[in-house]
Amino acid sequence: MGRKKIILLFGPTASGKSRLSIDIAKKFNGEIINADSMQVYKEIKVLSARPNDKSIKHHLYGLVSVKENFSVGSWYQLAAKKIKDINKRGKLALVVGGTGLYFKILVNGLAEIPNVPKIDYSNLNLKGRQMMLNHYEKNHPKIFEGINMNDIQRIYRAISVYNATGITLSEWKNKKNKKYFENNEFVKICLTPSKPELEKRIKKRFLDMLKNGAIEEVKKYKNLNLSLRSLHTSNSIIGLKEIELFLNKRISMNELKEKVLIKTRQYAKRQFTWQRGQMKQWKRFADINYLDLRNKILSYLSKT
């Protein structure tokens, strides 16, 4: 393993990335950098499955408040700085997470879109939202180019960027990217456990979350006076809205579990879709037995 190599470890939720990353870091004298968009929030530790191992240095976990919106551009700058610092100290940087866009930006670079005021349209009803979208599509035909029209967060982001800069998101993306690293500096690994195994792990993990204080965590979140219907990016953490429904006695505990498990399985499916489309050249490991998985990956990295 070359000292300056950067290991990228991507996998779906509940695939065992955190445990594996610790063993890799111990073996190769490394430090771990978070690449999960939900694990950046201070106040949401249980529901985001933030690792709590203290034997290895972890970076970019729990670094911002849920009251703040945190962008991929902010993560990119922080992650690049951490990687360079770790390598400068003669150690290995290990980037671990399940947010595919973070890895894509790290490898391919990012056009530097300036920070712009984020407009909150959460007060609009369905009819008002559609009228707004029709207005922008009619007057600025390319404003939503390349955006899934079911992705409300990205739609609002596109409007905010255009209003502030007069340039669409697609135009920003076509600008020259800022790259901090070359492709040959990365070793790219994907975890691809079977669907039945992953679903079993997802269920066990959420039950453990409930035992470890997930409901109390959501109570504290609500006390921050953050609306779960607002545009704060932390609101997309799976379990927040479902536990709020349970606390308001609108669903039972069994319904809470079922809703969260369905949403988590859907999220894992999207992560697998990202892998197939965006990570075709990554080395894949599908072993279910943890010791087999660890030994194969450590062996692979030793030869890289």
C-alpha atoms as a PDB file:
ATOM      1  CA  MET A   1       0.000   0.000   0.000  1.00  0.00           C
ATOM      2  CA  GLY A   2       1.556   3.280  -1.135  1.00  0.00           C
ATOM      3  CA  ARG A   3       1.704   5.845   1.636  1.00  0.00           C
ATOM      4  CA  LYS A   4       0.002   8.540  -0.393  1.00  0.00           C
ATOM      5  CA  LYS A   5      -2.857   6.375  -1.597  1.00  0.00           C
ATOM      6  CA  ILE A   6      -6.337   7.393  -0.477  1.00  0.00           C
ATOM      7  CA  ILE A   7      -8.745   4.542   0.251  1.00  0.00           C
ATOM      8  CA  LEU A   8     -12.381   5.120  -0.656  1.00  0.00           C
ATOM      9  CA  LEU A   9     -14.851   2.740   1.006  1.00  0.00           C
ATOM     10  CA  PHE A  10     -18.450   2.980  -0.180  1.00  0.00           C
ATOM     11  CA  GLY A  11     -21.351   0.745   0.749  1.00  0.00           C
ATOM     12  CA  PRO A  12     -25.100   0.814   1.365  1.00  0.00           C
ATOM     13  CA  THR A  13     -26.511   1.617   4.762  1.00  0.00           C
ATOM     14  CA  ALA A  14     -25.939  -1.124   7.386  1.00  0.00           C
ATOM     15  CA  SER A  15     -23.346  -2.904   5.217  1.00  0.00           C
ATOM     16  CA  GLY A  16     -20.688  -2.821   7.950  1.00  0.00           C
ATOM     17  CA  LYS A  17     -18.503   0.010   6.649  1.00  0.00           C
ATOM     18  CA  SER A  18     -17.718   1.514  10.053  1.00  0.00           C
ATOM     19  CA  ARG A  19     -16.419  -1.721  11.577  1.00  0.00           C
ATOM     20  CA  LEU A  20     -14.413  -2.567   8.488  1.00  0.00           C
ATOM     21  CA  SER A  21     -12.893   0.904   8.210  1.00  0.00           C
ATOM     22  CA  ILE A  22     -11.514   0.647  11.750  1.00  0.00           C
ATOM     23  CA  ASP A  23      -9.760  -2.630  10.937  1.00  0.00           C
ATOM     24  CA  ILE A  24      -8.330  -1.145   7.725  1.00  0.00           C
ATOM     25  CA  ALA A  25      -7.125   1.969   9.560  1.00  0.00           C
ATOM     26  CA  LYS A  26      -5.438  -0.135  12.254  1.00  0.00           C
ATOM     27  CA  LYS A  27      -3.719  -2.329   9.674  1.00  0.00           C
ATOM     28  CA  PHE A  28      -2.380   0.504   7.521  1.00  0.00           C
ATOM     29  CA  ASN A  29      -1.832   3.279  10.080  1.00  0.00           C
ATOM     30  CA  GLY A  30      -4.751   5.319   8.847  1.00  0.00           C
ATOM     31  CA  GLU A  31      -7.366   7.827   9.929  1.00  0.00           C
ATOM     32  CA  ILE A  32     -11.030   7.840   8.914  1.00  0.00           C
ATOM     33  CA  ILE A  33     -12.895  10.650   7.148  1.00  0.00           C
ATOM     34  CA  ASN A  34     -16.684  10.690   7.047  1.00  0.00           C
ATOM     35  CA  ALA A  35     -18.437  10.616   3.658  1.00  0.00           C
ATOM     36  CA  ASP A  36     -21.996  10.292   4.912  1.00  0.00           C
ATOM     37  CA  SER A  37     -24.141  13.393   4.547  1.00  0.00           C
ATOM     38  CA  MET A  38     -26.230  12.614   7.646  1.00  0.00           C
ATOM     39  CA  GLN A  39     -23.369  11.774  10.005  1.00  0.00           C
ATOM     40  CA  VAL A  40     -22.068  15.345   9.836  1.00  0.00           C
ATOM     41  CA  TYR A  41     -24.754  16.568  12.263  1.00  0.00           C
ATOM     42  CA  LYS A  42     -23.899  17.006  15.945  1.00  0.00           C
ATOM     43  CA  GLU A  43     -27.330  16.383  17.409  1.00  0.00           C
ATOM     44  CA  ILE A  44     -28.242  13.244  15.427  1.00  0.00           C
ATOM     45  CA  LYS A  45     -25.897  10.495  16.535  1.00  0.00           C
ATOM     46  CA  VAL A  46     -28.116   7.454  17.046  1.00  0.00           C
ATOM     47  CA  LEU A  47     -30.355   7.739  13.973  1.00  0.00           C
ATOM     48  CA  SER A  48     -27.436   8.530  11.674  1.00  0.00           C
ATOM     49  CA  ALA A  49     -25.497   5.494  13.007  1.00  0.00           C
ATOM     50  CA  ARG A  50     -22.476   7.648  13.776  1.00  0.00           C
ATOM     51  CA  PRO A  51     -19.508   5.471  14.849  1.00  0.00           C
ATOM     52  CA  ASN A  52     -18.282   5.877  18.422  1.00  0.00           C
ATOM     53  CA  ASP A  53     -15.001   3.962  18.333  1.00  0.00           C
ATOM     54  CA  LYS A  54     -12.188   5.978  19.939  1.00  0.00           C
ATOM     55  CA  SER A  55      -9.251   3.734  19.013  1.00  0.00           C
ATOM     56  CA  ILE A  56      -8.837   5.394  15.593  1.00  0.00           C
ATOM     57  CA  LYS A  57      -9.052   9.086  14.728  1.00  0.00           C
ATOM     58  CA  HIS A  58     -12.330   9.966  12.997  1.00  0.00           C
ATOM     59  CA  HIS A  59     -12.849  13.246  11.133  1.00  0.00           C
ATOM     60  CA  LEU A  60     -15.892  15.220   9.893  1.00  0.00           C
ATOM     61  CA  TYR A  61     -18.399  13.424  12.121  1.00  0.00           C
ATOM     62  CA  GLY A  62     -20.839  15.564  14.104  1.00  0.00           C
ATOM     63  CA  LEU A  63     -19.225  18.792  12.966  1.00  0.00           C
ATOM     64  CA  VAL A  64     -22.248  21.002  12.181  1.00  0.00           C
ATOM     65  CA  SER A  65     -25.554  21.747  13.901  1.00  0.00           C
ATOM     66  CA  VAL A  66     -28.812  20.464  12.455  1.00  0.00           C
ATOM     67  CA  LYS A  67     -29.836  24.126  12.333  1.00  0.00           C
ATOM     68  CA  GLU A  68     -27.340  24.606   9.506  1.00  0.00           C
ATOM     69  CA  ASN A  69     -27.608  23.448   5.908  1.00  0.00           C
ATOM     70  CA  PHE A  70     -24.465  21.613   4.855  1.00  0.00           C
ATOM     71  CA  SER A  71     -23.552  21.355   1.168  1.00  0.00           C
ATOM     72  CA  VAL A  72     -21.462  18.878  -0.791  1.00  0.00           C
ATOM     73  CA  GLY A  73     -19.134  21.771  -1.639  1.00  0.00           C
ATOM     74  CA  SER A  74     -18.503  22.427   2.047  1.00  0.00           C
ATOM     75  CA  TRP A  75     -17.769  18.753   2.631  1.00  0.00           C
ATOM     76  CA  TYR A  76     -15.423  18.617  -0.380  1.00  0.00           C
ATOM     77  CA  GLN A  77     -13.243  21.432   0.882  1.00  0.00           C
ATOM     78  CA  LEU A  78     -13.084  20.046   4.418  1.00  0.00           C
ATOM     79  CA  ALA A  79     -12.415  16.489   3.255  1.00  0.00           C
ATOM     80  CA  ALA A  80      -9.644  17.540   0.865  1.00  0.00           C
ATOM     81  CA  LYS A  81      -7.945  19.501   3.628  1.00  0.00           C
ATOM     82  CA  LYS A  82      -8.182  16.552   6.036  1.00  0.00           C
ATOM     83  CA  ILE A  83      -6.808  14.098   3.470  1.00  0.00           C
ATOM     84  CA  LYS A  84      -3.800  16.303   2.760  1.00  0.00           C
ATOM     85  CA  ASP A  85      -3.165  16.810   6.468  1.00  0.00           C
ATOM     86  CA  ILE A  86      -3.334  13.068   7.171  1.00  0.00           C
ATOM     87  CA  ASN A  87      -0.991  12.252   4.286  1.00  0.00           C
ATOM     88  CA  LYS A  88       1.384  15.017   5.333  1.00  0.00           C
ATOM     89  CA  ARG A  89       1.709  13.314   8.707  1.00  0.00           C
ATOM     90  CA  GLY A  90       2.692  10.089   6.937  1.00  0.00           C
ATOM     91  CA  LYS A  91      -0.607   8.329   7.566  1.00  0.00           C
ATOM     92  CA  LEU A  92      -3.224   6.803   5.301  1.00  0.00           C
ATOM     93  CA  ALA A  93      -6.512   8.619   4.623  1.00  0.00           C
ATOM     94  CA  LEU A  94      -9.580   6.373   4.553  1.00  0.00           C
ATOM     95  CA  VAL A  95     -12.797   8.008   3.284  1.00  0.00           C
ATOM     96  CA  VAL A  96     -15.856   6.030   4.393  1.00  0.00           C
ATOM     97  CA  GLY A  97     -19.578   6.491   3.794  1.00  0.00           C
ATOM     98  CA  GLY A  98     -22.673   5.885   1.751  1.00  0.00           C
ATOM     99  CA  THR A  99     -23.257   9.269   0.099  1.00  0.00           C
ATOM    100  CA  GLY A 100     -22.379   8.598  -3.519  1.00  0.00           C
ATOM    101  CA  LEU A 101     -22.251  12.256  -4.517  1.00  0.00           C
ATOM    102  CA  TYR A 102     -19.497  12.917  -1.966  1.00  0.00           C
ATOM    103  CA  PHE A 103     -17.301  10.263  -3.571  1.00  0.00           C
ATOM    104  CA  LYS A 104     -18.084  11.458  -7.081  1.00  0.00           C
ATOM    105  CA  ILE A 105     -17.062  15.014  -6.221  1.00  0.00           C
ATOM    106  CA  LEU A 106     -13.907  13.843  -4.450  1.00  0.00           C
ATOM    107  CA  VAL A 107     -12.808  11.856  -7.499  1.00  0.00           C
ATOM    108  CA  ASN A 108     -14.022  14.128 -10.312  1.00  0.00           C
ATOM    109  CA  GLY A 109     -13.835  17.581  -8.763  1.00  0.00           C
ATOM    110  CA  LEU A 110     -16.452  20.276  -8.294  1.00  0.00           C
ATOM    111  CA  ALA A 111     -17.349  23.469 -10.074  1.00  0.00           C
ATOM    112  CA  GLU A 112     -17.168  26.193  -7.448  1.00  0.00           C
ATOM    113  CA  ILE A 113     -20.719  27.453  -7.092  1.00  0.00           C
ATOM    114  CA  PRO A 114     -20.720  30.432  -4.714  1.00  0.00           C
ATOM    115  CA  ASN A 115     -22.631  30.305  -1.457  1.00  0.00           C
ATOM    116  CA  VAL A 116     -26.083  31.738  -2.088  1.00  0.00           C
ATOM    117  CA  PRO A 117     -29.049  32.501   0.186  1.00  0.00           C
ATOM    118  CA  LYS A 118     -31.333  29.464   0.391  1.00  0.00           C
ATOM    119  CA  ILE A 119     -34.965  30.328  -0.257  1.00  0.00           C
ATOM    120  CA  ASP A 120     -37.492  28.505   1.914  1.00  0.00           C
ATOM    121  CA  TYR A 121     -40.627  27.534   0.006  1.00  0.00           C
ATOM    122  CA  SER A 122     -41.941  25.166   2.683  1.00  0.00           C
ATOM    123  CA  ASN A 123     -44.973  27.415   3.250  1.00  0.00           C
ATOM    124  CA  LEU A 124     -46.264  26.734  -0.271  1.00  0.00           C
ATOM    125  CA  ASN A 125     -49.047  24.221  -0.757  1.00  0.00           C
ATOM    126  CA  LEU A 126     -49.005  21.783  -3.678  1.00  0.00           C
ATOM    127  CA  LYS A 127     -50.836  24.185  -6.012  1.00  0.00           C
ATOM    128  CA  GLY A 128     -48.570  27.102  -5.121  1.00  0.00           C
ATOM    129  CA  ARG A 129     -45.466  24.985  -5.627  1.00  0.00           C
ATOM    130  CA  GLN A 130     -46.651  23.879  -9.075  1.00  0.00           C
ATOM    131  CA  MET A 131     -47.399  27.490 -10.088  1.00  0.00           C
ATOM    132  CA  MET A 132     -43.880  28.479  -9.029  1.00  0.00           C
ATOM    133  CA  LEU A 133     -42.293  25.623 -11.019  1.00  0.00           C
ATOM    134  CA  ASN A 134     -44.363  26.497 -14.091  1.00  0.00           C
ATOM    135  CA  HIS A 135     -43.217  30.117 -13.821  1.00  0.00           C
ATOM    136  CA  TYR A 136     -39.535  29.205 -13.743  1.00  0.00           C
ATOM    137  CA  GLU A 137     -39.803  26.574 -16.475  1.00  0.00           C
ATOM    138  CA  LYS A 138     -41.557  29.072 -18.769  1.00  0.00           C
ATOM    139  CA  ASN A 139     -39.178  31.981 -18.197  1.00  0.00           C
ATOM    140  CA  HIS A 140     -35.925  30.036 -17.723  1.00  0.00           C
ATOM    141  CA  PRO A 141     -36.254  26.792 -19.745  1.00  0.00           C
ATOM    142  CA  LYS A 142     -32.864  25.341 -18.706  1.00  0.00           C
ATOM    143  CA  ILE A 143     -33.099  26.034 -14.985  1.00  0.00           C
ATOM    144  CA  PHE A 144     -34.105  22.446 -14.098  1.00  0.00           C
ATOM    145  CA  GLU A 145     -31.975  20.722 -16.727  1.00  0.00           C
ATOM    146  CA  GLY A 146     -30.617  17.412 -15.411  1.00  0.00           C
ATOM    147  CA  ILE A 147     -32.687  17.564 -12.202  1.00  0.00           C
ATOM    148  CA  ASN A 148     -35.182  14.948 -11.052  1.00  0.00           C
ATOM    149  CA  MET A 149     -38.416  16.919 -10.713  1.00  0.00           C
ATOM    150  CA  ASN A 150     -39.381  14.802  -7.704  1.00  0.00           C
ATOM    151  CA  ASP A 151     -36.283  16.014  -5.848  1.00  0.00           C
ATOM    152  CA  ILE A 152     -37.685  19.117  -4.135  1.00  0.00           C
ATOM    153  CA  GLN A 153     -34.391  19.947  -2.410  1.00  0.00           C
ATOM    154  CA  ARG A 154     -32.515  20.088  -5.725  1.00  0.00           C
ATOM    155  CA  ILE A 155     -35.309  22.112  -7.341  1.00  0.00           C
ATOM    156  CA  TYR A 156     -35.167  24.729  -4.605  1.00  0.00           C
ATOM    157  CA  ARG A 157     -31.368  24.731  -4.814  1.00  0.00           C
ATOM    158  CA  ALA A 158     -31.557  25.345  -8.589  1.00  0.00           C
ATOM    159  CA  ILE A 159     -33.881  28.303  -8.061  1.00  0.00           C
ATOM    160  CA  SER A 160     -31.736  29.777  -5.288  1.00  0.00           C
ATOM    161  CA  VAL A 161     -28.543  29.516  -7.360  1.00  0.00           C
ATOM    162  CA  TYR A 162     -30.172  31.000 -10.444  1.00  0.00           C
ATOM    163  CA  ASN A 163     -31.770  33.874  -8.517  1.00  0.00           C
ATOM    164  CA  ALA A 164     -28.437  34.774  -6.913  1.00  0.00           C
ATOM    165  CA  THR A 165     -26.098  34.304  -9.887  1.00  0.00           C
ATOM    166  CA  GLY A 166     -28.179  34.336 -13.076  1.00  0.00           C
ATOM    167  CA  ILE A 167     -26.489  31.024 -14.020  1.00  0.00           C
ATOM    168  CA  THR A 168     -28.199  27.634 -13.945  1.00  0.00           C
ATOM    169  CA  LEU A 169     -26.840  24.636 -12.028  1.00  0.00           C
ATOM    170  CA  SER A 170     -26.182  22.777 -15.285  1.00  0.00           C
ATOM    171  CA  GLU A 171     -24.115  25.719 -16.545  1.00  0.00           C
ATOM    172  CA  TRP A 172     -22.136  25.752 -13.289  1.00  0.00           C
ATOM    173  CA  LYS A 173     -21.432  22.041 -13.688  1.00  0.00           C
ATOM    174  CA  ASN A 174     -20.007  22.634 -17.168  1.00  0.00           C
ATOM    175  CA  LYS A 175     -17.484  25.088 -15.808  1.00  0.00           C
ATOM    176  CA  LYS A 176     -13.946  23.849 -15.207  1.00  0.00           C
ATOM    177  CA  ASN A 177     -13.907  21.620 -12.151  1.00  0.00           C
ATOM    178  CA  LYS A 178     -11.659  22.216  -9.202  1.00  0.00           C
ATOM    179  CA  LYS A 179      -9.819  18.974  -8.493  1.00  0.00           C
ATOM    180  CA  TYR A 180      -7.642  18.396  -5.443  1.00  0.00           C
ATOM    181  CA  PHE A 181      -6.480  14.865  -6.347  1.00  0.00           C
ATOM    182  CA  GLU A 182      -5.626  12.737  -9.368  1.00  0.00           C
ATOM    183  CA  ASN A 183      -7.534   9.549 -10.077  1.00  0.00           C
ATOM    184  CA  ASN A 184      -4.484   7.323  -9.556  1.00  0.00           C
ATOM    185  CA  GLU A 185      -4.232   8.481  -5.938  1.00  0.00           C
ATOM    186  CA  PHE A 186      -7.385   6.548  -5.004  1.00  0.00           C
ATOM    187  CA  VAL A 187      -8.047   2.922  -4.170  1.00  0.00           C
ATOM    188  CA  LYS A 188     -11.790   2.429  -4.626  1.00  0.00           C
ATOM    189  CA  ILE A 189     -13.746  -0.270  -2.803  1.00  0.00           C
ATOM    190  CA  CYS A 190     -17.482  -1.082  -2.817  1.00  0.00           C
ATOM    191  CA  LEU A 191     -19.358  -3.336  -0.415  1.00  0.00           C
ATOM    192  CA  THR A 192     -22.191  -5.238  -2.091  1.00  0.00           C
ATOM    193  CA  PRO A 193     -23.860  -7.591   0.427  1.00  0.00           C
ATOM    194  CA  SER A 194     -26.859  -9.604  -0.748  1.00  0.00           C
ATOM    195  CA  LYS A 195     -30.318  -8.074  -0.436  1.00  0.00           C
ATOM    196  CA  PRO A 196     -31.613 -10.604   2.161  1.00  0.00           C
ATOM    197  CA  GLU A 197     -28.529 -10.133   4.335  1.00  0.00           C
ATOM    198  CA  LEU A 198     -28.711  -6.361   4.119  1.00  0.00           C
ATOM    199  CA  GLU A 199     -32.412  -6.301   5.011  1.00  0.00           C
ATOM    200  CA  LYS A 200     -31.682  -8.449   8.068  1.00  0.00           C
ATOM    201  CA  ARG A 201     -28.961  -6.032   9.178  1.00  0.00           C
ATOM    202  CA  ILE A 202     -31.166  -2.997   8.559  1.00  0.00           C
ATOM    203  CA  LYS A 203     -33.879  -4.429  10.802  1.00  0.00           C
ATOM    204  CA  LYS A 204     -31.465  -5.321  13.611  1.00  0.00           C
ATOM    205  CA  ARG A 205     -29.793  -1.922  13.455  1.00  0.00           C
ATOM    206  CA  PHE A 206     -33.028   0.033  13.767  1.00  0.00           C
ATOM    207  CA  LEU A 207     -34.161  -2.067  16.715  1.00  0.00           C
ATOM    208  CA  ASP A 208     -30.798  -1.299  18.321  1.00  0.00           C
ATOM    209  CA  MET A 209     -31.319   2.409  17.586  1.00  0.00           C
ATOM    210  CA  LEU A 210     -34.626   2.345  19.441  1.00  0.00           C
ATOM    211  CA  LYS A 211     -32.937   0.685  22.430  1.00  0.00           C
ATOM    212  CA  ASN A 212     -30.084   3.199  22.332  1.00  0.00           C
ATOM    213  CA  GLY A 213     -32.192   6.359  22.515  1.00  0.00           C
ATOM    214  CA  ALA A 214     -33.438   7.221  19.025  1.00  0.00           C
ATOM    215  CA  ILE A 215     -36.808   8.412  20.359  1.00  0.00           C
ATOM    216  CA  GLU A 216     -35.188  10.681  22.954  1.00  0.00           C
ATOM    217  CA  GLU A 217     -32.936  12.029  20.230  1.00  0.00           C
ATOM    218  CA  VAL A 218     -35.945  13.075  18.140  1.00  0.00           C
ATOM    219  CA  LYS A 219     -37.573  14.701  21.181  1.00  0.00           C
ATOM    220  CA  LYS A 220     -34.461  16.857  21.598  1.00  0.00           C
ATOM    221  CA  TYR A 221     -34.490  17.628  17.880  1.00  0.00           C
ATOM    222  CA  LYS A 222     -38.075  18.866  18.130  1.00  0.00           C
ATOM    223  CA  ASN A 223     -37.097  21.051  21.095  1.00  0.00           C
ATOM    224  CA  LEU A 224     -34.702  22.918  18.806  1.00  0.00           C
ATOM    225  CA  ASN A 225     -37.849  24.353  17.180  1.00  0.00           C
ATOM    226  CA  LEU A 226     -36.913  22.942  13.789  1.00  0.00           C
ATOM    227  CA  SER A 227     -39.903  22.112  11.639  1.00  0.00           C
ATOM    228  CA  LEU A 228     -39.677  18.643  10.169  1.00  0.00           C
ATOM    229  CA  ARG A 229     -41.355  20.088   7.098  1.00  0.00           C
ATOM    230  CA  SER A 230     -38.708  22.766   6.528  1.00  0.00           C
ATOM    231  CA  LEU A 231     -35.830  22.610   4.042  1.00  0.00           C
ATOM    232  CA  HIS A 232     -33.103  21.860   6.575  1.00  0.00           C
ATOM    233  CA  THR A 233     -30.995  19.098   5.033  1.00  0.00           C
ATOM    234  CA  SER A 234     -30.918  17.217   8.337  1.00  0.00           C
ATOM    235  CA  ASN A 235     -34.654  16.571   7.936  1.00  0.00           C
ATOM    236  CA  SER A 236     -33.896  13.856   5.388  1.00  0.00           C
ATOM    237  CA  ILE A 237     -32.409  11.611   8.094  1.00  0.00           C
ATOM    238  CA  ILE A 238     -34.488   8.440   8.019  1.00  0.00           C
ATOM    239  CA  GLY A 239     -36.529   8.015  11.184  1.00  0.00           C
ATOM    240  CA  LEU A 240     -36.972  11.657  12.198  1.00  0.00           C
ATOM    241  CA  LYS A 241     -40.394  12.181  10.666  1.00  0.00           C
ATOM    242  CA  GLU A 242     -41.577   8.665  11.484  1.00  0.00           C
ATOM    243  CA  ILE A 243     -40.662   8.991  15.160  1.00  0.00           C
ATOM    244  CA  GLU A 244     -42.373  12.383  15.268  1.00  0.00           C
ATOM    245  CA  LEU A 245     -45.563  10.704  14.025  1.00  0.00           C
ATOM    246  CA  PHE A 246     -45.199   8.124  16.799  1.00  0.00           C
ATOM    247  CA  LEU A 247     -44.626  10.816  19.438  1.00  0.00           C
ATOM    248  CA  ASN A 248     -47.761  12.601  18.231  1.00  0.00           C
ATOM    249  CA  LYS A 249     -49.660   9.297  18.602  1.00  0.00           C
ATOM    250  CA  ARG A 250     -50.490   9.209  14.906  1.00  0.00           C
ATOM    251  CA  ILE A 251     -48.884   5.798  14.353  1.00  0.00           C
ATOM    252  CA  SER A 252     -48.170   2.794  16.587  1.00  0.00           C
ATOM    253  CA  MET A 253     -44.737   1.397  17.451  1.00  0.00           C
ATOM    254  CA  ASN A 254     -45.221  -1.417  14.938  1.00  0.00           C
ATOM    255  CA  GLU A 255     -46.152   1.090  12.240  1.00  0.00           C
ATOM    256  CA  LEU A 256     -43.101   3.182  13.151  1.00  0.00           C
ATOM    257  CA  LYS A 257     -40.801   0.186  12.704  1.00  0.00           C
ATOM    258  CA  GLU A 258     -42.403  -0.792   9.420  1.00  0.00           C
ATOM    259  CA  LYS A 259     -42.245   2.730   7.961  1.00  0.00           C
ATOM    260  CA  VAL A 260     -38.578   3.178   8.881  1.00  0.00           C
ATOM    261  CA  LEU A 261     -37.603  -0.249   7.562  1.00  0.00           C
ATOM    262  CA  ILE A 262     -39.381   0.407   4.257  1.00  0.00           C
ATOM    263  CA  LYS A 263     -37.713   3.799   3.866  1.00  0.00           C
ATOM    264  CA  THR A 264     -34.286   2.412   4.780  1.00  0.00           C
ATOM    265  CA  ARG A 265     -34.611  -0.434   2.282  1.00  0.00           C
ATOM    266  CA  GLN A 266     -35.580   2.102  -0.386  1.00  0.00           C
ATOM    267  CA  TYR A 267     -32.521   4.174   0.486  1.00  0.00           C
ATOM    268  CA  ALA A 268     -30.255   1.108   0.234  1.00  0.00           C
ATOM    269  CA  LYS A 269     -31.774   0.351  -3.170  1.00  0.00           C
ATOM    270  CA  ARG A 270     -30.870   3.868  -4.361  1.00  0.00           C
ATOM    271  CA  GLN A 271     -27.319   3.378  -3.087  1.00  0.00           C
ATOM    272  CA  PHE A 272     -27.013   0.124  -5.046  1.00  0.00           C
ATOM    273  CA  THR A 273     -28.338   1.911  -8.131  1.00  0.00           C
ATOM    274  CA  TRP A 274     -25.672   4.590  -7.668  1.00  0.00           C
ATOM    275  CA  GLN A 275     -22.997   1.901  -7.390  1.00  0.00           C
ATOM    276  CA  ARG A 276     -24.059   0.237 -10.628  1.00  0.00           C
ATOM    277  CA  GLY A 277     -24.215   3.499 -12.534  1.00  0.00           C
ATOM    278  CA  GLN A 278     -21.381   5.559 -11.066  1.00  0.00           C
ATOM    279  CA  MET A 279     -18.862   3.048  -9.657  1.00  0.00           C
ATOM    280  CA  LYS A 280     -18.369   0.521 -12.436  1.00  0.00           C
ATOM    281  CA  GLN A 281     -14.584   0.519 -12.062  1.00  0.00           C
ATOM    282  CA  TRP A 282     -14.564   0.091  -8.274  1.00  0.00           C
ATOM    283  CA  LYS A 283     -13.429  -3.183  -6.673  1.00  0.00           C
ATOM    284  CA  ARG A 284     -16.476  -4.978  -5.250  1.00  0.00           C
ATOM    285  CA  PHE A 285     -16.733  -7.298  -2.264  1.00  0.00           C
ATOM    286  CA  ALA A 286     -19.935  -9.210  -1.522  1.00  0.00           C
ATOM    287  CA  ASP A 287     -18.845 -11.494   1.350  1.00  0.00           C
ATOM    288  CA  ILE A 288     -21.412 -11.880   4.121  1.00  0.00           C
ATOM    289  CA  ASN A 289     -19.096 -13.375   6.724  1.00  0.00           C
ATOM    290  CA  TYR A 290     -17.235 -10.475   8.321  1.00  0.00           C
ATOM    291  CA  LEU A 291     -13.894 -12.248   8.823  1.00  0.00           C
ATOM    292  CA  ASP A 292     -13.850 -13.375   5.187  1.00  0.00           C
ATOM    293  CA  LEU A 293     -14.706  -9.846   4.043  1.00  0.00           C
ATOM    294  CA  ARG A 294     -12.034  -8.247   6.213  1.00  0.00           C
ATOM    295  CA  ASN A 295      -9.303 -10.702   5.215  1.00  0.00           C
ATOM    296  CA  LYS A 296     -10.038 -10.363   1.507  1.00  0.00           C
ATOM    297  CA  ILE A 297     -10.013  -6.575   1.609  1.00  0.00           C
ATOM    298  CA  LEU A 298      -6.873  -6.361   3.727  1.00  0.00           C
ATOM    299  CA  SER A 299      -5.161  -8.761   1.347  1.00  0.00           C
ATOM    300  CA  TYR A 300      -6.308  -6.736  -1.660  1.00  0.00           C
ATOM    301  CA  LEU A 301      -5.065  -3.486  -0.139  1.00  0.00           C
ATOM    302  CA  SER A 302      -1.710  -5.031   0.786  1.00  0.00           C
ATOM    303  CA  LYS A 303      -1.121  -5.786  -2.889  1.00  0.00           C
ATOM    304  CA  THR A 304      -2.309  -2.413  -4.178  1.00  0.00           C
END
